[in-house]
Amino acid sequence: MMDMTDNTTGCCPRFNPEGWDGLHLHFENKPFVRAKTRCVLHVPLNMGSVFTRVQTHIEEAGVQDPDGYLVLSRDLSVLEGEHFFAVTGEVPGEEMTEFSGDFITRVFEGSYRKAKDWEHEMEVAAEAGGKTAGSVYMFYTTCPRCARAYGKNYVIGVAEVR
């Protein structure tokens, strides 16, 4: 669902939000690489180095999804973030986990500072659909530099629903 060739920054491809709002996703033993970042008051300190390491390992293993990338992020505390990189198979040297279950999505646009509000909106969206939200993740579709270059900062809220 992503056009990886629309990349004028040489970093993140331009994100097209069409089709992402209101998706119902179902994962059945979907493999993900799990990585953590250090933060100060929710501001990541080592995200660049962690994401570069993980992405390099994913590419070396040849398990990057050819249709794009998906990284689900959430804050564990004011000092630690957790990130799940969707892959198609095992990545040596990285912690692996699997997701199973149903998820809903919503498209947001704006500053990363709004993430807490967006998390609440995801919980409300789950309840509006007659479900209860479990874990809520954010898919930050571009880095801050690319968001500035493209003029939009799209973030996809992804909530597990039960």
N, C-alpha and C. Protein backbone atom coordinates (compact mmCIF):
# COMPACT_ATOMS: atom_id res chain seq x y z
N MET A 1 0.81 -1.20 0.00
CA MET A 1 0.00 0.00 0.00
C MET A 1 0.85 1.26 0.00
N MET A 2 2.14 1.14 -0.25
CA MET A 2 3.01 2.32 -0.23
C MET A 2 3.80 2.37 -1.53
N ASP A 3 3.97 3.57 -2.05
CA ASP A 3 4.78 3.76 -3.26
C ASP A 3 6.19 4.12 -2.81
N MET A 4 7.05 3.13 -2.74
CA MET A 4 8.41 3.32 -2.26
C MET A 4 9.26 4.15 -3.23
N THR A 5 8.79 4.31 -4.47
CA THR A 5 9.55 5.06 -5.46
C THR A 5 9.32 6.57 -5.36
N ASP A 6 8.26 7.01 -4.67
CA ASP A 6 7.98 8.44 -4.52
C ASP A 6 8.80 8.94 -3.34
N ASN A 7 10.10 9.15 -3.57
CA ASN A 7 11.02 9.47 -2.50
C ASN A 7 11.97 10.56 -2.96
N THR A 8 11.58 11.80 -2.77
CA THR A 8 12.41 12.92 -3.21
C THR A 8 13.44 13.33 -2.16
N THR A 9 13.34 12.80 -0.94
CA THR A 9 14.27 13.18 0.12
C THR A 9 15.46 12.23 0.21
N GLY A 10 15.35 11.05 -0.37
CA GLY A 10 16.40 10.05 -0.22
C GLY A 10 16.36 9.37 1.13
N CYS A 11 15.32 9.62 1.88
CA CYS A 11 15.17 9.05 3.23
C CYS A 11 13.84 8.30 3.28
N CYS A 12 12.77 8.97 3.66
CA CYS A 12 11.45 8.36 3.74
C CYS A 12 10.66 8.63 2.46
N PRO A 13 9.94 7.64 1.95
CA PRO A 13 9.07 7.92 0.80
C PRO A 13 7.91 8.82 1.22
N ARG A 14 7.36 9.56 0.26
CA ARG A 14 6.18 10.38 0.52
C ARG A 14 5.04 9.43 0.86
N PHE A 15 4.32 9.74 1.92
CA PHE A 15 3.22 8.87 2.35
C PHE A 15 1.90 9.35 1.78
N ASN A 16 1.17 8.44 1.18
CA ASN A 16 -0.17 8.73 0.68
C ASN A 16 -1.16 8.08 1.65
N PRO A 17 -1.95 8.87 2.40
CA PRO A 17 -2.83 8.31 3.41
C PRO A 17 -4.08 7.62 2.85
N GLU A 18 -4.33 7.76 1.55
CA GLU A 18 -5.53 7.17 0.96
C GLU A 18 -5.57 5.67 1.23
N GLY A 19 -6.70 5.22 1.74
CA GLY A 19 -6.91 3.81 2.02
C GLY A 19 -6.49 3.36 3.40
N TRP A 20 -5.83 4.22 4.16
CA TRP A 20 -5.37 3.83 5.49
C TRP A 20 -6.40 4.11 6.58
N ASP A 21 -7.33 5.06 6.37
CA ASP A 21 -8.27 5.42 7.43
C ASP A 21 -9.39 4.39 7.51
N GLY A 22 -9.62 3.88 8.72
CA GLY A 22 -10.71 2.94 8.93
C GLY A 22 -10.42 1.52 8.48
N LEU A 23 -9.15 1.18 8.32
CA LEU A 23 -8.81 -0.19 7.96
C LEU A 23 -9.09 -1.13 9.13
N HIS A 24 -9.47 -2.33 8.80
CA HIS A 24 -9.57 -3.40 9.78
C HIS A 24 -8.49 -4.41 9.42
N LEU A 25 -7.51 -4.54 10.29
CA LEU A 25 -6.39 -5.45 10.04
C LEU A 25 -6.54 -6.69 10.90
N HIS A 26 -6.13 -7.81 10.33
CA HIS A 26 -6.09 -9.05 11.10
C HIS A 26 -4.71 -9.66 10.93
N PHE A 27 -4.03 -9.86 12.03
CA PHE A 27 -2.73 -10.51 12.01
C PHE A 27 -2.86 -11.89 12.63
N GLU A 28 -2.26 -12.85 11.99
CA GLU A 28 -2.21 -14.22 12.52
C GLU A 28 -0.76 -14.65 12.54
N ASN A 29 -0.16 -14.60 13.73
CA ASN A 29 1.25 -14.94 13.89
C ASN A 29 2.14 -14.13 12.95
N LYS A 30 1.84 -12.84 12.80
CA LYS A 30 2.61 -11.94 11.94
C LYS A 30 3.94 -11.62 12.62
N PRO A 31 5.07 -11.91 11.97
CA PRO A 31 6.36 -11.64 12.61
C PRO A 31 6.71 -10.15 12.63
N PHE A 32 7.28 -9.74 13.75
CA PHE A 32 7.76 -8.38 13.95
C PHE A 32 9.11 -8.44 14.68
N VAL A 33 9.98 -7.50 14.39
CA VAL A 33 11.18 -7.28 15.18
C VAL A 33 10.80 -6.29 16.27
N ARG A 34 11.19 -6.57 17.50
CA ARG A 34 10.90 -5.68 18.63
C ARG A 34 12.21 -4.97 19.02
N ALA A 35 12.14 -3.65 19.14
CA ALA A 35 13.29 -2.86 19.57
C ALA A 35 12.83 -1.79 20.55
N LYS A 36 13.73 -1.38 21.41
CA LYS A 36 13.42 -0.32 22.38
C LYS A 36 14.33 0.87 22.15
N THR A 37 13.80 2.06 22.50
CA THR A 37 14.58 3.28 22.47
C THR A 37 14.55 3.92 23.85
N ARG A 38 15.60 4.67 24.14
CA ARG A 38 15.66 5.44 25.38
C ARG A 38 15.04 6.80 25.10
N CYS A 39 14.34 7.34 26.12
CA CYS A 39 13.66 8.63 25.97
C CYS A 39 13.87 9.48 27.21
N VAL A 40 13.65 10.76 27.04
CA VAL A 40 13.54 11.69 28.17
C VAL A 40 12.22 12.42 27.96
N LEU A 41 11.30 12.21 28.89
CA LEU A 41 9.97 12.81 28.80
C LEU A 41 9.33 12.53 27.42
N HIS A 42 9.40 11.29 27.00
CA HIS A 42 8.82 10.78 25.74
C HIS A 42 9.58 11.22 24.49
N VAL A 43 10.64 11.98 24.61
CA VAL A 43 11.43 12.39 23.45
C VAL A 43 12.54 11.36 23.26
N PRO A 44 12.54 10.64 22.12
CA PRO A 44 13.55 9.61 21.92
C PRO A 44 14.96 10.19 21.78
N LEU A 45 15.92 9.48 22.38
CA LEU A 45 17.31 9.92 22.33
C LEU A 45 18.11 9.15 21.27
N ASN A 46 17.80 7.88 21.09
CA ASN A 46 18.61 7.03 20.22
C ASN A 46 17.79 6.38 19.11
N MET A 47 16.71 7.02 18.71
CA MET A 47 15.84 6.42 17.70
C MET A 47 16.57 6.21 16.37
N GLY A 48 17.35 7.20 15.94
CA GLY A 48 18.06 7.08 14.67
C GLY A 48 18.96 5.86 14.62
N SER A 49 19.78 5.67 15.66
CA SER A 49 20.70 4.54 15.66
C SER A 49 19.97 3.21 15.79
N VAL A 50 18.91 3.16 16.58
CA VAL A 50 18.15 1.92 16.73
C VAL A 50 17.45 1.57 15.42
N PHE A 51 16.78 2.54 14.81
CA PHE A 51 16.07 2.26 13.56
C PHE A 51 17.05 1.88 12.44
N THR A 52 18.20 2.53 12.38
CA THR A 52 19.21 2.19 11.37
C THR A 52 19.71 0.77 11.56
N ARG A 53 20.02 0.38 12.81
CA ARG A 53 20.48 -0.97 13.10
C ARG A 53 19.45 -2.01 12.68
N VAL A 54 18.20 -1.80 13.12
CA VAL A 54 17.15 -2.77 12.82
C VAL A 54 16.90 -2.86 11.32
N GLN A 55 16.80 -1.71 10.65
CA GLN A 55 16.53 -1.72 9.22
C GLN A 55 17.66 -2.40 8.45
N THR A 56 18.90 -2.19 8.87
CA THR A 56 20.04 -2.86 8.23
C THR A 56 19.93 -4.37 8.39
N HIS A 57 19.58 -4.83 9.59
CA HIS A 57 19.42 -6.27 9.82
C HIS A 57 18.26 -6.85 9.01
N ILE A 58 17.18 -6.09 8.89
CA ILE A 58 16.03 -6.55 8.10
C ILE A 58 16.44 -6.70 6.63
N GLU A 59 17.15 -5.71 6.12
CA GLU A 59 17.59 -5.77 4.72
C GLU A 59 18.58 -6.90 4.49
N GLU A 60 19.53 -7.09 5.44
CA GLU A 60 20.50 -8.18 5.32
C GLU A 60 19.82 -9.54 5.33
N ALA A 61 18.74 -9.66 6.10
CA ALA A 61 18.00 -10.93 6.18
C ALA A 61 17.07 -11.13 4.99
N GLY A 62 16.83 -10.06 4.21
CA GLY A 62 15.96 -10.15 3.04
C GLY A 62 14.50 -10.37 3.39
N VAL A 63 14.06 -9.78 4.50
CA VAL A 63 12.68 -10.01 4.96
C VAL A 63 11.85 -8.72 5.03
N GLN A 64 12.28 -7.68 4.30
CA GLN A 64 11.49 -6.45 4.20
C GLN A 64 10.29 -6.72 3.30
N ASP A 65 9.11 -6.31 3.72
CA ASP A 65 7.92 -6.46 2.90
C ASP A 65 8.10 -5.64 1.63
N PRO A 66 7.94 -6.24 0.45
CA PRO A 66 8.15 -5.51 -0.79
C PRO A 66 7.11 -4.40 -1.03
N ASP A 67 5.99 -4.43 -0.32
CA ASP A 67 4.93 -3.43 -0.51
C ASP A 67 5.09 -2.21 0.38
N GLY A 68 6.12 -2.18 1.21
CA GLY A 68 6.32 -1.03 2.08
C GLY A 68 6.80 -1.46 3.45
N TYR A 69 6.68 -0.56 4.39
CA TYR A 69 7.13 -0.85 5.75
C TYR A 69 6.04 -0.46 6.73
N LEU A 70 6.09 -1.07 7.88
CA LEU A 70 5.15 -0.76 8.96
C LEU A 70 5.93 -0.88 10.26
N VAL A 71 6.00 0.22 11.00
CA VAL A 71 6.65 0.22 12.31
C VAL A 71 5.63 0.74 13.30
N LEU A 72 5.24 -0.09 14.24
CA LEU A 72 4.27 0.29 15.27
C LEU A 72 5.02 0.69 16.52
N SER A 73 4.76 1.89 17.01
CA SER A 73 5.50 2.43 18.16
C SER A 73 4.55 2.80 19.28
N ARG A 74 5.08 2.68 20.50
CA ARG A 74 4.33 3.14 21.67
C ARG A 74 5.32 3.45 22.78
N ASP A 75 4.90 4.32 23.67
CA ASP A 75 5.72 4.65 24.83
C ASP A 75 5.41 3.67 25.94
N LEU A 76 6.47 3.09 26.50
CA LEU A 76 6.29 2.23 27.67
C LEU A 76 6.32 3.06 28.95
N SER A 77 7.05 4.16 28.90
CA SER A 77 7.16 5.10 30.02
C SER A 77 7.73 6.39 29.48
N VAL A 78 7.97 7.36 30.34
CA VAL A 78 8.57 8.62 29.91
C VAL A 78 10.04 8.42 29.53
N LEU A 79 10.58 7.23 29.85
CA LEU A 79 12.00 6.96 29.61
C LEU A 79 12.26 5.89 28.54
N GLU A 80 11.19 5.25 28.04
CA GLU A 80 11.42 4.13 27.13
C GLU A 80 10.30 4.00 26.09
N GLY A 81 10.70 3.80 24.85
CA GLY A 81 9.76 3.55 23.76
C GLY A 81 9.96 2.14 23.22
N GLU A 82 8.91 1.61 22.63
CA GLU A 82 8.94 0.25 22.07
C GLU A 82 8.47 0.33 20.63
N HIS A 83 9.15 -0.40 19.75
CA HIS A 83 8.88 -0.32 18.32
C HIS A 83 8.84 -1.73 17.72
N PHE A 84 7.86 -1.95 16.88
CA PHE A 84 7.67 -3.25 16.24
C PHE A 84 7.75 -3.06 14.73
N PHE A 85 8.74 -3.69 14.10
CA PHE A 85 8.98 -3.59 12.66
C PHE A 85 8.40 -4.82 11.99
N ALA A 86 7.39 -4.65 11.13
CA ALA A 86 6.79 -5.78 10.42
C ALA A 86 7.79 -6.35 9.43
N VAL A 87 7.91 -7.66 9.42
CA VAL A 87 8.83 -8.36 8.52
C VAL A 87 8.13 -9.61 7.97
N THR A 88 8.79 -10.25 7.03
CA THR A 88 8.21 -11.47 6.44
C THR A 88 8.88 -12.73 6.97
N GLY A 89 9.89 -12.59 7.82
CA GLY A 89 10.57 -13.76 8.38
C GLY A 89 11.54 -13.37 9.48
N GLU A 90 12.34 -14.33 9.89
CA GLU A 90 13.29 -14.19 11.00
C GLU A 90 14.40 -13.19 10.67
N VAL A 91 14.79 -12.40 11.70
CA VAL A 91 15.89 -11.45 11.55
C VAL A 91 16.95 -11.81 12.59
N PRO A 92 18.06 -12.42 12.14
CA PRO A 92 19.13 -12.77 13.09
C PRO A 92 19.66 -11.54 13.81
N GLY A 93 19.95 -11.72 15.10
CA GLY A 93 20.51 -10.64 15.89
C GLY A 93 19.50 -9.68 16.45
N GLU A 94 18.22 -9.91 16.20
CA GLU A 94 17.17 -9.04 16.72
C GLU A 94 16.13 -9.86 17.48
N GLU A 95 15.47 -9.20 18.44
CA GLU A 95 14.40 -9.86 19.18
C GLU A 95 13.16 -9.96 18.29
N MET A 96 12.63 -11.16 18.18
CA MET A 96 11.45 -11.40 17.35
C MET A 96 10.22 -11.60 18.23
N THR A 97 9.07 -11.20 17.69
CA THR A 97 7.79 -11.45 18.35
C THR A 97 6.75 -11.61 17.26
N GLU A 98 5.55 -11.96 17.63
CA GLU A 98 4.46 -12.11 16.66
C GLU A 98 3.23 -11.38 17.17
N PHE A 99 2.44 -10.85 16.24
CA PHE A 99 1.16 -10.25 16.56
C PHE A 99 0.07 -11.15 16.00
N SER A 100 -0.95 -11.36 16.80
CA SER A 100 -2.17 -12.04 16.35
C SER A 100 -3.34 -11.26 16.90
N GLY A 101 -4.34 -11.04 16.06
CA GLY A 101 -5.52 -10.34 16.53
C GLY A 101 -6.04 -9.36 15.51
N ASP A 102 -7.04 -8.60 15.95
CA ASP A 102 -7.72 -7.62 15.09
C ASP A 102 -7.34 -6.22 15.52
N PHE A 103 -7.18 -5.34 14.52
CA PHE A 103 -6.73 -3.98 14.74
C PHE A 103 -7.53 -3.04 13.86
N ILE A 104 -7.71 -1.80 14.32
CA ILE A 104 -8.33 -0.76 13.50
C ILE A 104 -7.32 0.37 13.32
N THR A 105 -7.53 1.17 12.25
CA THR A 105 -6.61 2.27 11.98
C THR A 105 -7.36 3.59 11.83
N ARG A 106 -6.63 4.66 12.07
CA ARG A 106 -7.11 6.02 11.80
C ARG A 106 -5.95 6.85 11.33
N VAL A 107 -6.20 7.74 10.40
CA VAL A 107 -5.17 8.64 9.90
C VAL A 107 -5.23 9.95 10.67
N PHE A 108 -4.08 10.39 11.13
CA PHE A 108 -3.93 11.68 11.80
C PHE A 108 -2.87 12.48 11.05
N GLU A 109 -2.93 13.80 11.20
CA GLU A 109 -1.92 14.65 10.58
C GLU A 109 -1.63 15.77 11.56
N GLY A 110 -0.36 15.95 11.85
CA GLY A 110 0.01 17.02 12.76
C GLY A 110 1.25 16.68 13.54
N SER A 111 1.51 17.47 14.57
CA SER A 111 2.71 17.36 15.38
C SER A 111 2.72 16.06 16.19
N TYR A 112 3.90 15.52 16.37
CA TYR A 112 4.06 14.31 17.19
C TYR A 112 3.57 14.53 18.62
N ARG A 113 3.53 15.80 19.04
CA ARG A 113 3.07 16.11 20.40
C ARG A 113 1.61 15.73 20.62
N LYS A 114 0.87 15.51 19.54
CA LYS A 114 -0.55 15.17 19.66
C LYS A 114 -0.78 13.67 19.87
N ALA A 115 0.28 12.89 19.96
CA ALA A 115 0.14 11.43 20.04
C ALA A 115 -0.76 10.98 21.19
N LYS A 116 -0.67 11.62 22.33
CA LYS A 116 -1.50 11.23 23.48
C LYS A 116 -2.99 11.45 23.17
N ASP A 117 -3.31 12.56 22.49
CA ASP A 117 -4.69 12.82 22.09
C ASP A 117 -5.14 11.77 21.07
N TRP A 118 -4.26 11.45 20.14
CA TRP A 118 -4.60 10.45 19.11
C TRP A 118 -4.83 9.07 19.73
N GLU A 119 -4.05 8.76 20.76
CA GLU A 119 -4.24 7.48 21.46
C GLU A 119 -5.65 7.43 22.06
N HIS A 120 -6.06 8.53 22.66
CA HIS A 120 -7.42 8.59 23.23
C HIS A 120 -8.47 8.45 22.11
N GLU A 121 -8.26 9.11 20.98
CA GLU A 121 -9.19 9.00 19.85
C GLU A 121 -9.29 7.56 19.35
N MET A 122 -8.20 6.82 19.42
CA MET A 122 -8.23 5.41 18.99
C MET A 122 -9.08 4.58 19.96
N GLU A 123 -8.97 4.88 21.23
CA GLU A 123 -9.79 4.19 22.23
C GLU A 123 -11.27 4.48 22.01
N VAL A 124 -11.60 5.74 21.71
CA VAL A 124 -12.98 6.14 21.43
C VAL A 124 -13.48 5.46 20.16
N ALA A 125 -12.64 5.39 19.14
CA ALA A 125 -13.02 4.73 17.88
C ALA A 125 -13.32 3.26 18.10
N ALA A 126 -12.55 2.60 18.93
CA ALA A 126 -12.80 1.19 19.23
C ALA A 126 -14.15 1.03 19.92
N GLU A 127 -14.42 1.89 20.90
CA GLU A 127 -15.70 1.83 21.62
C GLU A 127 -16.86 2.13 20.69
N ALA A 128 -16.68 3.07 19.76
CA ALA A 128 -17.75 3.39 18.80
C ALA A 128 -18.07 2.20 17.92
N GLY A 129 -17.09 1.34 17.71
CA GLY A 129 -17.31 0.13 16.92
C GLY A 129 -17.75 -1.06 17.76
N GLY A 130 -18.10 -0.80 19.02
CA GLY A 130 -18.57 -1.87 19.89
C GLY A 130 -17.46 -2.76 20.42
N LYS A 131 -16.24 -2.27 20.40
CA LYS A 131 -15.08 -3.05 20.84
C LYS A 131 -14.38 -2.32 21.98
N THR A 132 -13.42 -3.00 22.56
CA THR A 132 -12.56 -2.41 23.57
C THR A 132 -11.16 -2.33 23.00
N ALA A 133 -10.51 -1.20 23.18
CA ALA A 133 -9.14 -1.04 22.69
C ALA A 133 -8.18 -1.73 23.64
N GLY A 134 -7.26 -2.46 23.06
CA GLY A 134 -6.14 -3.03 23.82
C GLY A 134 -4.97 -2.09 23.65
N SER A 135 -3.87 -2.62 23.21
CA SER A 135 -2.69 -1.79 22.97
C SER A 135 -2.94 -0.84 21.80
N VAL A 136 -2.46 0.39 21.94
CA VAL A 136 -2.56 1.39 20.88
C VAL A 136 -1.14 1.75 20.45
N TYR A 137 -0.94 1.73 19.14
CA TYR A 137 0.36 2.02 18.56
C TYR A 137 0.22 3.18 17.59
N MET A 138 1.34 3.83 17.30
CA MET A 138 1.39 4.86 16.27
C MET A 138 2.39 4.42 15.21
N PHE A 139 1.98 4.59 13.96
CA PHE A 139 2.86 4.35 12.82
C PHE A 139 3.25 5.72 12.30
N TYR A 140 4.47 6.16 12.65
CA TYR A 140 4.99 7.45 12.20
C TYR A 140 5.51 7.23 10.79
N THR A 141 4.79 7.72 9.80
CA THR A 141 5.04 7.36 8.41
C THR A 141 6.30 7.98 7.82
N THR A 142 6.78 9.08 8.40
CA THR A 142 8.01 9.71 7.96
C THR A 142 8.75 10.28 9.16
N CYS A 143 10.04 10.46 8.98
CA CYS A 143 10.82 11.09 10.04
C CYS A 143 10.50 12.59 10.05
N PRO A 144 10.86 13.30 11.12
CA PRO A 144 10.54 14.73 11.18
C PRO A 144 11.11 15.54 10.00
N ARG A 145 12.32 15.22 9.56
CA ARG A 145 12.93 15.96 8.44
C ARG A 145 12.12 15.76 7.17
N CYS A 146 11.70 14.53 6.88
CA CYS A 146 10.91 14.26 5.67
C CYS A 146 9.51 14.85 5.78
N ALA A 147 8.92 14.83 6.98
CA ALA A 147 7.60 15.45 7.16
C ALA A 147 7.66 16.93 6.81
N ARG A 148 8.72 17.60 7.23
CA ARG A 148 8.89 19.02 6.88
C ARG A 148 9.05 19.18 5.37
N ALA A 149 9.84 18.32 4.76
CA ALA A 149 10.09 18.42 3.31
C ALA A 149 8.82 18.19 2.51
N TYR A 150 7.98 17.26 2.94
CA TYR A 150 6.75 16.93 2.21
C TYR A 150 5.57 17.83 2.60
N GLY A 151 5.71 18.55 3.72
CA GLY A 151 4.66 19.47 4.13
C GLY A 151 3.51 18.83 4.89
N LYS A 152 3.61 17.55 5.17
CA LYS A 152 2.57 16.84 5.93
C LYS A 152 3.24 15.85 6.86
N ASN A 153 2.67 15.68 8.04
CA ASN A 153 3.17 14.71 9.00
C ASN A 153 2.05 13.72 9.31
N TYR A 154 1.91 12.72 8.45
CA TYR A 154 0.87 11.72 8.65
C TYR A 154 1.31 10.69 9.68
N VAL A 155 0.40 10.38 10.59
CA VAL A 155 0.61 9.35 11.58
C VAL A 155 -0.62 8.45 11.56
N ILE A 156 -0.40 7.16 11.55
CA ILE A 156 -1.51 6.21 11.54
C ILE A 156 -1.65 5.62 12.94
N GLY A 157 -2.80 5.82 13.56
CA GLY A 157 -3.11 5.17 14.82
C GLY A 157 -3.54 3.74 14.54
N VAL A 158 -3.02 2.80 15.30
CA VAL A 158 -3.36 1.39 15.13
C VAL A 158 -3.71 0.85 16.51
N ALA A 159 -4.96 0.44 16.68
CA ALA A 159 -5.43 -0.05 17.97
C ALA A 159 -5.85 -1.50 17.89
N GLU A 160 -5.37 -2.29 18.79
CA GLU A 160 -5.85 -3.66 18.91
C GLU A 160 -7.26 -3.59 19.47
N VAL A 161 -8.17 -4.37 18.91
CA VAL A 161 -9.55 -4.34 19.39
C VAL A 161 -9.99 -5.75 19.80
N ARG A 162 -10.81 -5.78 20.85
CA ARG A 162 -11.34 -7.06 21.37
C ARG A 162 -12.85 -6.93 21.51
